[in-house]
PDB file of N, CA and C in Angstrom:
ATOM      1  N   MET A   1     -17.874  13.332  -8.954  1.00  0.00           N
ATOM      2  CA  MET A   1     -17.519  14.701  -9.235  1.00  0.00           C
ATOM      3  C   MET A   1     -16.466  14.703 -10.329  1.00  0.00           C
ATOM      4  N   HIS A   2     -16.563  15.735 -11.164  1.00  0.00           N
ATOM      5  CA  HIS A   2     -15.604  15.861 -12.253  1.00  0.00           C
ATOM      6  C   HIS A   2     -14.863  17.194 -12.210  1.00  0.00           C
ATOM      7  N   ALA A   3     -15.283  18.092 -11.318  1.00  0.00           N
ATOM      8  CA  ALA A   3     -14.659  19.407 -11.249  1.00  0.00           C
ATOM      9  C   ALA A   3     -14.587  19.861  -9.794  1.00  0.00           C
ATOM     10  N   ILE A   4     -13.552  20.617  -9.498  1.00  0.00           N
ATOM     11  CA  ILE A   4     -13.362  21.115  -8.134  1.00  0.00           C
ATOM     12  C   ILE A   4     -14.561  21.946  -7.698  1.00  0.00           C
ATOM     13  N   GLU A   5     -15.094  22.758  -8.595  1.00  0.00           N
ATOM     14  CA  GLU A   5     -16.227  23.622  -8.257  1.00  0.00           C
ATOM     15  C   GLU A   5     -17.427  22.796  -7.804  1.00  0.00           C
ATOM     16  N   ASP A   6     -17.673  21.684  -8.472  1.00  0.00           N
ATOM     17  CA  ASP A   6     -18.779  20.807  -8.078  1.00  0.00           C
ATOM     18  C   ASP A   6     -18.512  20.189  -6.710  1.00  0.00           C
ATOM     19  N   ALA A   7     -17.285  19.795  -6.479  1.00  0.00           N
ATOM     20  CA  ALA A   7     -16.926  19.197  -5.194  1.00  0.00           C
ATOM     21  C   ALA A   7     -17.126  20.193  -4.054  1.00  0.00           C
ATOM     22  N   VAL A   8     -16.733  21.431  -4.264  1.00  0.00           N
ATOM     23  CA  VAL A   8     -16.902  22.470  -3.250  1.00  0.00           C
ATOM     24  C   VAL A   8     -18.385  22.699  -2.973  1.00  0.00           C
ATOM     25  N   ARG A   9     -19.181  22.773  -4.031  1.00  0.00           N
ATOM     26  CA  ARG A   9     -20.627  22.996  -3.852  1.00  0.00           C
ATOM     27  C   ARG A   9     -21.253  21.873  -3.042  1.00  0.00           C
ATOM     28  N   VAL A  10     -20.944  20.636  -3.391  1.00  0.00           N
ATOM     29  CA  VAL A  10     -21.512  19.485  -2.679  1.00  0.00           C
ATOM     30  C   VAL A  10     -21.012  19.458  -1.234  1.00  0.00           C
ATOM     31  N   ASP A  11     -19.760  19.775  -1.028  1.00  0.00           N
ATOM     32  CA  ASP A  11     -19.201  19.830   0.330  1.00  0.00           C
ATOM     33  C   ASP A  11     -19.946  20.865   1.171  1.00  0.00           C
ATOM     34  N   GLU A  12     -20.189  22.025   0.603  1.00  0.00           N
ATOM     35  CA  GLU A  12     -20.874  23.101   1.329  1.00  0.00           C
ATOM     36  C   GLU A  12     -22.330  22.761   1.630  1.00  0.00           C
ATOM     37  N   GLU A  13     -22.963  21.972   0.750  1.00  0.00           N
ATOM     38  CA  GLU A  13     -24.349  21.576   0.992  1.00  0.00           C
ATOM     39  C   GLU A  13     -24.462  20.668   2.205  1.00  0.00           C
ATOM     40  N   GLY A  14     -23.422  19.941   2.518  1.00  0.00           N
ATOM     41  CA  GLY A  14     -23.380  19.131   3.730  1.00  0.00           C
ATOM     42  C   GLY A  14     -24.299  17.925   3.758  1.00  0.00           C
ATOM     43  N   GLU A  15     -24.665  17.380   2.614  1.00  0.00           N
ATOM     44  CA  GLU A  15     -25.620  16.277   2.591  1.00  0.00           C
ATOM     45  C   GLU A  15     -25.000  14.919   2.284  1.00  0.00           C
ATOM     46  N   VAL A  16     -23.682  14.862   2.093  1.00  0.00           N
ATOM     47  CA  VAL A  16     -23.024  13.591   1.793  1.00  0.00           C
ATOM     48  C   VAL A  16     -21.862  13.369   2.748  1.00  0.00           C
ATOM     49  N   ASP A  17     -21.424  12.129   2.849  1.00  0.00           N
ATOM     50  CA  ASP A  17     -20.345  11.769   3.763  1.00  0.00           C
ATOM     51  C   ASP A  17     -18.983  11.699   3.090  1.00  0.00           C
ATOM     52  N   TYR A  18     -18.960  11.567   1.766  1.00  0.00           N
ATOM     53  CA  TYR A  18     -17.709  11.505   1.013  1.00  0.00           C
ATOM     54  C   TYR A  18     -17.984  11.868  -0.440  1.00  0.00           C
ATOM     55  N   LEU A  19     -16.913  12.116  -1.186  1.00  0.00           N
ATOM     56  CA  LEU A  19     -17.025  12.421  -2.606  1.00  0.00           C
ATOM     57  C   LEU A  19     -16.265  11.386  -3.415  1.00  0.00           C
ATOM     58  N   GLN A  20     -16.808  11.010  -4.561  1.00  0.00           N
ATOM     59  CA  GLN A  20     -16.062  10.246  -5.556  1.00  0.00           C
ATOM     60  C   GLN A  20     -15.600  11.255  -6.575  1.00  0.00           C
ATOM     61  N   PHE A  21     -14.307  11.287  -6.852  1.00  0.00           N
ATOM     62  CA  PHE A  21     -13.778  12.289  -7.771  1.00  0.00           C
ATOM     63  C   PHE A  21     -12.971  11.630  -8.875  1.00  0.00           C
ATOM     64  N   GLY A  22     -13.246  12.035 -10.099  1.00  0.00           N
ATOM     65  CA  GLY A  22     -12.500  11.515 -11.235  1.00  0.00           C
ATOM     66  C   GLY A  22     -13.282  11.798 -12.502  1.00  0.00           C
ATOM     67  N   THR A  23     -12.847  11.359 -13.458  1.00  0.00           N
ATOM     68  CA  THR A  23     -11.951  10.264 -13.774  1.00  0.00           C
ATOM     69  C   THR A  23     -10.502  10.735 -13.603  1.00  0.00           C
ATOM     70  N   VAL A  24      -9.743  10.049 -12.754  1.00  0.00           N
ATOM     71  CA  VAL A  24      -8.366  10.445 -12.505  1.00  0.00           C
ATOM     72  C   VAL A  24      -7.478  10.044 -13.687  1.00  0.00           C
ATOM     73  N   TYR A  25      -7.586   8.810 -14.112  1.00  0.00           N
ATOM     74  CA  TYR A  25      -6.847   8.294 -15.272  1.00  0.00           C
ATOM     75  C   TYR A  25      -7.863   7.771 -16.279  1.00  0.00           C
ATOM     76  N   SER A  26      -7.465   7.674 -17.527  1.00  0.00           N
ATOM     77  CA  SER A  26      -8.383   7.101 -18.501  1.00  0.00           C
ATOM     78  C   SER A  26      -8.659   5.649 -18.125  1.00  0.00           C
ATOM     79  N   SER A  27      -9.859   5.199 -18.451  1.00  0.00           N
ATOM     80  CA  SER A  27     -10.231   3.834 -18.070  1.00  0.00           C
ATOM     81  C   SER A  27     -10.929   3.140 -19.226  1.00  0.00           C
ATOM     82  N   ARG A  28     -10.850   1.831 -19.205  1.00  0.00           N
ATOM     83  CA  ARG A  28     -11.517   1.062 -20.255  1.00  0.00           C
ATOM     84  C   ARG A  28     -13.019   0.988 -20.022  1.00  0.00           C
ATOM     85  N   SER A  29     -13.474   1.140 -18.789  1.00  0.00           N
ATOM     86  CA  SER A  29     -14.910   1.059 -18.531  1.00  0.00           C
ATOM     87  C   SER A  29     -15.643   2.335 -18.948  1.00  0.00           C
ATOM     88  N   LYS A  30     -14.933   3.467 -18.976  1.00  0.00           N
ATOM     89  CA  LYS A  30     -15.524   4.743 -19.413  1.00  0.00           C
ATOM     90  C   LYS A  30     -14.519   5.486 -20.289  1.00  0.00           C
ATOM     91  N   PRO A  31     -14.265   4.950 -21.481  1.00  0.00           N
ATOM     92  CA  PRO A  31     -13.222   5.540 -22.333  1.00  0.00           C
ATOM     93  C   PRO A  31     -13.525   6.957 -22.800  1.00  0.00           C
ATOM     94  N   GLU A  32     -14.791   7.357 -22.773  1.00  0.00           N
ATOM     95  CA  GLU A  32     -15.157   8.707 -23.218  1.00  0.00           C
ATOM     96  C   GLU A  32     -14.887   9.780 -22.170  1.00  0.00           C
ATOM     97  N   ALA A  33     -14.671   9.378 -20.934  1.00  0.00           N
ATOM     98  CA  ALA A  33     -14.455  10.340 -19.847  1.00  0.00           C
ATOM     99  C   ALA A  33     -13.046  10.927 -19.924  1.00  0.00           C
ATOM    100  N   GLU A  34     -12.961  12.233 -19.781  1.00  0.00           N
ATOM    101  CA  GLU A  34     -11.664  12.907 -19.815  1.00  0.00           C
ATOM    102  C   GLU A  34     -10.979  12.778 -18.453  1.00  0.00           C
ATOM    103  N   ALA A  35      -9.739  12.339 -18.462  1.00  0.00           N
ATOM    104  CA  ALA A  35      -8.987  12.172 -17.211  1.00  0.00           C
ATOM    105  C   ALA A  35      -8.505  13.521 -16.690  1.00  0.00           C
ATOM    106  N   CYS A  36      -8.614  13.703 -15.370  1.00  0.00           N
ATOM    107  CA  CYS A  36      -8.197  14.973 -14.766  1.00  0.00           C
ATOM    108  C   CYS A  36      -6.782  14.902 -14.207  1.00  0.00           C
ATOM    109  N   GLY A  37      -6.298  13.713 -13.882  1.00  0.00           N
ATOM    110  CA  GLY A  37      -4.961  13.560 -13.321  1.00  0.00           C
ATOM    111  C   GLY A  37      -4.915  13.795 -11.825  1.00  0.00           C
ATOM    112  N   THR A  38      -3.759  13.524 -11.258  1.00  0.00           N
ATOM    113  CA  THR A  38      -3.625  13.607  -9.797  1.00  0.00           C
ATOM    114  C   THR A  38      -3.483  15.035  -9.291  1.00  0.00           C
ATOM    115  N   ASP A  39      -3.068  15.974 -10.134  1.00  0.00           N
ATOM    116  CA  ASP A  39      -2.962  17.363  -9.666  1.00  0.00           C
ATOM    117  C   ASP A  39      -4.330  17.919  -9.290  1.00  0.00           C
ATOM    118  N   VAL A  40      -5.322  17.659 -10.125  1.00  0.00           N
ATOM    119  CA  VAL A  40      -6.687  18.130  -9.840  1.00  0.00           C
ATOM    120  C   VAL A  40      -7.263  17.367  -8.647  1.00  0.00           C
ATOM    121  N   LEU A  41      -6.988  16.084  -8.576  1.00  0.00           N
ATOM    122  CA  LEU A  41      -7.418  15.293  -7.415  1.00  0.00           C
ATOM    123  C   LEU A  41      -6.828  15.872  -6.139  1.00  0.00           C
ATOM    124  N   GLU A  42      -5.541  16.181  -6.165  1.00  0.00           N
ATOM    125  CA  GLU A  42      -4.875  16.732  -4.976  1.00  0.00           C
ATOM    126  C   GLU A  42      -5.472  18.077  -4.569  1.00  0.00           C
ATOM    127  N   GLU A  43      -5.698  18.941  -5.531  1.00  0.00           N
ATOM    128  CA  GLU A  43      -6.297  20.242  -5.224  1.00  0.00           C
ATOM    129  C   GLU A  43      -7.693  20.072  -4.626  1.00  0.00           C
ATOM    130  N   THR A  44      -8.455  19.142  -5.168  1.00  0.00           N
ATOM    131  CA  THR A  44      -9.798  18.885  -4.652  1.00  0.00           C
ATOM    132  C   THR A  44      -9.736  18.362  -3.223  1.00  0.00           C
ATOM    133  N   ALA A  45      -8.867  17.394  -2.982  1.00  0.00           N
ATOM    134  CA  ALA A  45      -8.750  16.813  -1.638  1.00  0.00           C
ATOM    135  C   ALA A  45      -8.334  17.867  -0.612  1.00  0.00           C
ATOM    136  N   ARG A  46      -7.503  18.822  -1.026  1.00  0.00           N
ATOM    137  CA  ARG A  46      -7.082  19.886  -0.107  1.00  0.00           C
ATOM    138  C   ARG A  46      -8.162  20.939   0.095  1.00  0.00           C
ATOM    139  N   THR A  47      -9.065  21.086  -0.882  1.00  0.00           N
ATOM    140  CA  THR A  47     -10.055  22.158  -0.852  1.00  0.00           C
ATOM    141  C   THR A  47     -11.303  21.802  -0.059  1.00  0.00           C
ATOM    142  N   VAL A  48     -11.723  20.553  -0.110  1.00  0.00           N
ATOM    143  CA  VAL A  48     -12.964  20.157   0.566  1.00  0.00           C
ATOM    144  C   VAL A  48     -12.663  19.491   1.904  1.00  0.00           C
ATOM    145  N   SER A  49     -13.676  19.479   2.760  1.00  0.00           N
ATOM    146  CA  SER A  49     -13.506  18.847   4.071  1.00  0.00           C
ATOM    147  C   SER A  49     -13.897  17.373   4.063  1.00  0.00           C
ATOM    148  N   LEU A  50     -14.597  16.949   3.028  1.00  0.00           N
ATOM    149  CA  LEU A  50     -15.042  15.554   2.932  1.00  0.00           C
ATOM    150  C   LEU A  50     -13.914  14.643   2.464  1.00  0.00           C
ATOM    151  N   PRO A  51     -13.946  13.364   2.862  1.00  0.00           N
ATOM    152  CA  PRO A  51     -13.008  12.404   2.280  1.00  0.00           C
ATOM    153  C   PRO A  51     -13.292  12.270   0.785  1.00  0.00           C
ATOM    154  N   VAL A  52     -12.236  12.146   0.002  1.00  0.00           N
ATOM    155  CA  VAL A  52     -12.359  12.048  -1.454  1.00  0.00           C
ATOM    156  C   VAL A  52     -11.881  10.672  -1.895  1.00  0.00           C
ATOM    157  N   LEU A  53     -12.754   9.955  -2.603  1.00  0.00           N
ATOM    158  CA  LEU A  53     -12.392   8.671  -3.187  1.00  0.00           C
ATOM    159  C   LEU A  53     -12.048   8.905  -4.652  1.00  0.00           C
ATOM    160  N   ALA A  54     -10.897   8.416  -5.070  1.00  0.00           N
ATOM    161  CA  ALA A  54     -10.476   8.540  -6.464  1.00  0.00           C
ATOM    162  C   ALA A  54     -11.140   7.446  -7.284  1.00  0.00           C
ATOM    163  N   VAL A  55     -11.557   7.800  -8.491  1.00  0.00           N
ATOM    164  CA  VAL A  55     -12.192   6.841  -9.391  1.00  0.00           C
ATOM    165  C   VAL A  55     -11.687   7.086 -10.802  1.00  0.00           C
ATOM    166  N   GLY A  56     -11.602   6.026 -11.566  1.00  0.00           N
ATOM    167  CA  GLY A  56     -11.230   6.147 -12.965  1.00  0.00           C
ATOM    168  C   GLY A  56      -9.811   5.714 -13.250  1.00  0.00           C
ATOM    169  N   GLY A  57      -9.668   4.536 -13.821  1.00  0.00           N
ATOM    170  CA  GLY A  57      -8.359   4.054 -14.231  1.00  0.00           C
ATOM    171  C   GLY A  57      -7.428   3.686 -13.099  1.00  0.00           C
ATOM    172  N   ILE A  58      -7.968   3.440 -11.927  1.00  0.00           N
ATOM    173  CA  ILE A  58      -7.140   3.112 -10.763  1.00  0.00           C
ATOM    174  C   ILE A  58      -6.587   1.698 -10.929  1.00  0.00           C
ATOM    175  N   THR A  59      -5.278   1.566 -10.729  1.00  0.00           N
ATOM    176  CA  THR A  59      -4.607   0.275 -10.787  1.00  0.00           C
ATOM    177  C   THR A  59      -3.755   0.100  -9.541  1.00  0.00           C
ATOM    178  N   VAL A  60      -3.273  -1.099  -9.333  1.00  0.00           N
ATOM    179  CA  VAL A  60      -2.335  -1.320  -8.233  1.00  0.00           C
ATOM    180  C   VAL A  60      -1.124  -0.410  -8.428  1.00  0.00           C
ATOM    181  N   ASP A  61      -0.643  -0.289  -9.658  1.00  0.00           N
ATOM    182  CA  ASP A  61       0.565   0.486  -9.933  1.00  0.00           C
ATOM    183  C   ASP A  61       0.410   1.981  -9.700  1.00  0.00           C
ATOM    184  N   ASN A  62      -0.778   2.547  -9.913  1.00  0.00           N
ATOM    185  CA  ASN A  62      -0.929   3.994  -9.711  1.00  0.00           C
ATOM    186  C   ASN A  62      -1.650   4.349  -8.410  1.00  0.00           C
ATOM    187  N   SER A  63      -2.052   3.364  -7.643  1.00  0.00           N
ATOM    188  CA  SER A  63      -2.797   3.656  -6.407  1.00  0.00           C
ATOM    189  C   SER A  63      -1.949   4.444  -5.404  1.00  0.00           C
ATOM    190  N   PHE A  64      -0.664   4.178  -5.336  1.00  0.00           N
ATOM    191  CA  PHE A  64       0.209   4.914  -4.418  1.00  0.00           C
ATOM    192  C   PHE A  64       0.187   6.408  -4.756  1.00  0.00           C
ATOM    193  N   GLU A  65       0.290   6.742  -6.032  1.00  0.00           N
ATOM    194  CA  GLU A  65       0.265   8.134  -6.477  1.00  0.00           C
ATOM    195  C   GLU A  65      -1.067   8.799  -6.114  1.00  0.00           C
ATOM    196  N   VAL A  66      -2.154   8.065  -6.260  1.00  0.00           N
ATOM    197  CA  VAL A  66      -3.479   8.586  -5.937  1.00  0.00           C
ATOM    198  C   VAL A  66      -3.585   8.881  -4.438  1.00  0.00           C
ATOM    199  N   PHE A  67      -3.077   7.978  -3.620  1.00  0.00           N
ATOM    200  CA  PHE A  67      -3.121   8.205  -2.179  1.00  0.00           C
ATOM    201  C   PHE A  67      -2.211   9.361  -1.768  1.00  0.00           C
ATOM    202  N   CYS A  68      -1.050   9.478  -2.403  1.00  0.00           N
ATOM    203  CA  CYS A  68      -0.167  10.607  -2.118  1.00  0.00           C
ATOM    204  C   CYS A  68      -0.812  11.934  -2.490  1.00  0.00           C
ATOM    205  N   ALA A  69      -1.724  11.906  -3.459  1.00  0.00           N
ATOM    206  CA  ALA A  69      -2.445  13.113  -3.868  1.00  0.00           C
ATOM    207  C   ALA A  69      -3.571  13.461  -2.892  1.00  0.00           C
ATOM    208  N   GLY A  70      -3.789  12.625  -1.890  1.00  0.00           N
ATOM    209  CA  GLY A  70      -4.782  12.947  -0.869  1.00  0.00           C
ATOM    210  C   GLY A  70      -6.053  12.140  -0.900  1.00  0.00           C
ATOM    211  N   ALA A  71      -6.164  11.178  -1.802  1.00  0.00           N
ATOM    212  CA  ALA A  71      -7.377  10.352  -1.831  1.00  0.00           C
ATOM    213  C   ALA A  71      -7.483   9.548  -0.534  1.00  0.00           C
ATOM    214  N   ALA A  72      -8.679   9.514   0.009  1.00  0.00           N
ATOM    215  CA  ALA A  72      -8.939   8.732   1.221  1.00  0.00           C
ATOM    216  C   ALA A  72      -9.196   7.273   0.891  1.00  0.00           C
ATOM    217  N   GLY A  73      -9.437   6.999  -0.383  1.00  0.00           N
ATOM    218  CA  GLY A  73      -9.715   5.644  -0.829  1.00  0.00           C
ATOM    219  C   GLY A  73      -9.895   5.647  -2.332  1.00  0.00           C
ATOM    220  N   VAL A  74     -10.228   4.489  -2.869  1.00  0.00           N
ATOM    221  CA  VAL A  74     -10.447   4.366  -4.303  1.00  0.00           C
ATOM    222  C   VAL A  74     -11.747   3.617  -4.552  1.00  0.00           C
ATOM    223  N   ALA A  75     -12.334   3.900  -5.694  1.00  0.00           N
ATOM    224  CA  ALA A  75     -13.479   3.139  -6.193  1.00  0.00           C
ATOM    225  C   ALA A  75     -13.080   2.681  -7.578  1.00  0.00           C
ATOM    226  N   ALA A  76     -13.245   1.405  -7.863  1.00  0.00           N
ATOM    227  CA  ALA A  76     -12.708   0.892  -9.113  1.00  0.00           C
ATOM    228  C   ALA A  76     -13.531  -0.273  -9.641  1.00  0.00           C
ATOM    229  N   ILE A  77     -13.525  -0.404 -10.946  1.00  0.00           N
ATOM    230  CA  ILE A  77     -14.117  -1.565 -11.613  1.00  0.00           C
ATOM    231  C   ILE A  77     -12.992  -2.422 -12.178  1.00  0.00           C
ATOM    232  N   GLY A  78     -12.195  -1.811 -13.064  1.00  0.00           N
ATOM    233  CA  GLY A  78     -11.137  -2.541 -13.743  1.00  0.00           C
ATOM    234  C   GLY A  78     -10.127  -3.152 -12.794  1.00  0.00           C
ATOM    235  N   LEU A  79      -9.894  -2.505 -11.686  1.00  0.00           N
ATOM    236  CA  LEU A  79      -8.942  -3.010 -10.703  1.00  0.00           C
ATOM    237  C   LEU A  79      -9.276  -4.433 -10.282  1.00  0.00           C
ATOM    238  N   PHE A  80     -10.560  -4.751 -10.250  1.00  0.00           N
ATOM    239  CA  PHE A  80     -10.992  -6.061  -9.767  1.00  0.00           C
ATOM    240  C   PHE A  80     -11.415  -7.029 -10.862  1.00  0.00           C
ATOM    241  N   VAL A  81     -11.725  -6.527 -12.048  1.00  0.00           N
ATOM    242  CA  VAL A  81     -12.218  -7.434 -13.089  1.00  0.00           C
ATOM    243  C   VAL A  81     -11.227  -7.654 -14.225  1.00  0.00           C
ATOM    244  N   GLU A  82     -10.191  -6.841 -14.289  1.00  0.00           N
ATOM    245  CA  GLU A  82      -9.178  -7.040 -15.307  1.00  0.00           C
ATOM    246  C   GLU A  82      -7.980  -7.726 -14.670  1.00  0.00           C
ATOM    247  N   GLY A  83      -7.172  -8.344 -15.449  1.00  0.00           N
ATOM    248  CA  GLY A  83      -5.987  -8.999 -14.923  1.00  0.00           C
ATOM    249  C   GLY A  83      -6.000 -10.472 -15.225  1.00  0.00           C
ATOM    250  N   GLU A  84      -5.132 -11.180 -14.543  1.00  0.00           N
ATOM    251  CA  GLU A  84      -4.932 -12.598 -14.834  1.00  0.00           C
ATOM    252  C   GLU A  84      -6.112 -13.478 -14.439  1.00  0.00           C
ATOM    253  N   SER A  85      -6.738 -13.201 -13.312  1.00  0.00           N
ATOM    254  CA  SER A  85      -7.803 -14.073 -12.807  1.00  0.00           C
ATOM    255  C   SER A  85      -8.978 -13.272 -12.285  1.00  0.00           C
ATOM    256  N   PRO A  86      -9.719 -12.596 -13.166  1.00  0.00           N
ATOM    257  CA  PRO A  86     -10.844 -11.786 -12.680  1.00  0.00           C
ATOM    258  C   PRO A  86     -11.875 -12.646 -11.950  1.00  0.00           C
ATOM    259  N   GLY A  87     -12.302 -12.154 -10.806  1.00  0.00           N
ATOM    260  CA  GLY A  87     -13.303 -12.878 -10.024  1.00  0.00           C
ATOM    261  C   GLY A  87     -12.742 -13.911  -9.080  1.00  0.00           C
ATOM    262  N   ASP A  88     -11.473 -14.247  -9.212  1.00  0.00           N
ATOM    263  CA  ASP A  88     -10.853 -15.229  -8.330  1.00  0.00           C
ATOM    264  C   ASP A  88     -10.631 -14.592  -6.951  1.00  0.00           C
ATOM    265  N   PRO A  89     -11.188 -15.177  -5.886  1.00  0.00           N
ATOM    266  CA  PRO A  89     -11.059 -14.583  -4.556  1.00  0.00           C
ATOM    267  C   PRO A  89      -9.610 -14.361  -4.123  1.00  0.00           C
ATOM    268  N   ASP A  90      -8.718 -15.271  -4.461  1.00  0.00           N
ATOM    269  CA  ASP A  90      -7.311 -15.098  -4.076  1.00  0.00           C
ATOM    270  C   ASP A  90      -6.687 -13.911  -4.821  1.00  0.00           C
ATOM    271  N   ALA A  91      -7.025 -13.771  -6.096  1.00  0.00           N
ATOM    272  CA  ALA A  91      -6.507 -12.646  -6.875  1.00  0.00           C
ATOM    273  C   ALA A  91      -7.051 -11.326  -6.325  1.00  0.00           C
ATOM    274  N   ILE A  92      -8.319 -11.311  -5.954  1.00  0.00           N
ATOM    275  CA  ILE A  92      -8.915 -10.102  -5.380  1.00  0.00           C
ATOM    276  C   ILE A  92      -8.246  -9.769  -4.051  1.00  0.00           C
ATOM    277  N   ASP A  93      -7.987 -10.765  -3.231  1.00  0.00           N
ATOM    278  CA  ASP A  93      -7.265 -10.540  -1.966  1.00  0.00           C
ATOM    279  C   ASP A  93      -5.894  -9.917  -2.214  1.00  0.00           C
ATOM    280  N   GLN A  94      -5.203 -10.385  -3.254  1.00  0.00           N
ATOM    281  CA  GLN A  94      -3.887  -9.829  -3.572  1.00  0.00           C
ATOM    282  C   GLN A  94      -4.000  -8.375  -4.002  1.00  0.00           C
ATOM    283  N   VAL A  95      -4.999  -8.061  -4.817  1.00  0.00           N
ATOM    284  CA  VAL A  95      -5.207  -6.678  -5.255  1.00  0.00           C
ATOM    285  C   VAL A  95      -5.512  -5.787  -4.057  1.00  0.00           C
ATOM    286  N   VAL A  96      -6.425  -6.216  -3.213  1.00  0.00           N
ATOM    287  CA  VAL A  96      -6.789  -5.419  -2.034  1.00  0.00           C
ATOM    288  C   VAL A  96      -5.571  -5.225  -1.135  1.00  0.00           C
ATOM    289  N   GLY A  97      -4.796  -6.268  -0.934  1.00  0.00           N
ATOM    290  CA  GLY A  97      -3.591  -6.157  -0.116  1.00  0.00           C
ATOM    291  C   GLY A  97      -2.590  -5.186  -0.701  1.00  0.00           C
ATOM    292  N   SER A  98      -2.404  -5.220  -2.010  1.00  0.00           N
ATOM    293  CA  SER A  98      -1.465  -4.310  -2.668  1.00  0.00           C
ATOM    294  C   SER A  98      -1.925  -2.864  -2.555  1.00  0.00           C
ATOM    295  N   VAL A  99      -3.207  -2.626  -2.753  1.00  0.00           N
ATOM    296  CA  VAL A  99      -3.743  -1.270  -2.632  1.00  0.00           C
ATOM    297  C   VAL A  99      -3.646  -0.792  -1.179  1.00  0.00           C
ATOM    298  N   ARG A 100      -3.919  -1.662  -0.247  1.00  0.00           N
ATOM    299  CA  ARG A 100      -3.815  -1.310   1.175  1.00  0.00           C
ATOM    300  C   ARG A 100      -2.376  -0.917   1.519  1.00  0.00           C
ATOM    301  N   ARG A 101      -1.406  -1.671   1.018  1.00  0.00           N
ATOM    302  CA  ARG A 101       0.002  -1.350   1.282  1.00  0.00           C
ATOM    303  C   ARG A 101       0.374   0.002   0.656  1.00  0.00           C
ATOM    304  N   ALA A 102      -0.160   0.294  -0.522  1.00  0.00           N
ATOM    305  CA  ALA A 102       0.089   1.590  -1.150  1.00  0.00           C
ATOM    306  C   ALA A 102      -0.484   2.716  -0.298  1.00  0.00           C
ATOM    307  N   TYR A 103      -1.656   2.491   0.256  1.00  0.00           N
ATOM    308  CA  TYR A 103      -2.291   3.496   1.122  1.00  0.00           C
ATOM    309  C   TYR A 103      -1.421   3.766   2.357  1.00  0.00           C
ATOM    310  N   VAL A 104      -0.953   2.706   2.988  1.00  0.00           N
ATOM    311  CA  VAL A 104      -0.127   2.856   4.185  1.00  0.00           C
ATOM    312  C   VAL A 104       1.194   3.548   3.834  1.00  0.00           C
ATOM    313  N   ARG A 105       1.827   3.157   2.734  1.00  0.00           N
ATOM    314  CA  ARG A 105       3.094   3.777   2.310  1.00  0.00           C
ATOM    315  C   ARG A 105       2.920   5.258   2.001  1.00  0.00           C
ATOM    316  N   SER A 106       1.765   5.641   1.527  1.00  0.00           N
ATOM    317  CA  SER A 106       1.538   7.037   1.141  1.00  0.00           C
ATOM    318  C   SER A 106       1.642   7.976   2.333  1.00  0.00           C
ATOM    319  N   TYR A 107       1.371   7.475   3.524  1.00  0.00           N
ATOM    320  CA  TYR A 107       1.475   8.334   4.706  1.00  0.00           C
ATOM    321  C   TYR A 107       2.902   8.767   4.969  1.00  0.00           C
ATOM    322  N   ASP A 108       3.882   7.976   4.572  1.00  0.00           N
ATOM    323  CA  ASP A 108       5.277   8.367   4.714  1.00  0.00           C
ATOM    324  C   ASP A 108       5.642   9.512   3.760  1.00  0.00           C
ATOM    325  N   GLU A 109       4.896   9.635   2.666  1.00  0.00           N
ATOM    326  CA  GLU A 109       5.166  10.640   1.640  1.00  0.00           C
ATOM    327  C   GLU A 109       4.438  11.959   1.882  1.00  0.00           C
ATOM    328  N   ARG A 110       3.441  11.945   2.724  1.00  0.00           N
ATOM    329  CA  ARG A 110       2.635  13.164   2.933  1.00  0.00           C
ATOM    330  C   ARG A 110       3.277  14.079   3.942  1.00  0.00           C
TER     331      ARG A 110
END
């Protein structure tokens, strides 16, 4: 989803279990996509009843902000393939652990 109106329509149709919403931040995998930012993500998460997964430019550093905006999770490409050791299982474990900690910390902020 790229717009709140689309998210509301899909939510009302009742045929999906969650929404992917973004592009939240600009990303190298889809540089042509316009970023909506966390304000639009937050409004979408508050407006629909479905869990919203944030997508687009998600990093360990901004994942906390995304979760504070109401994202139930993230979907990412660059998060796992960019960095010091792309594809390395230990590096992926560290990324997942960092994102998980950001998710847990976000509950203190909500």
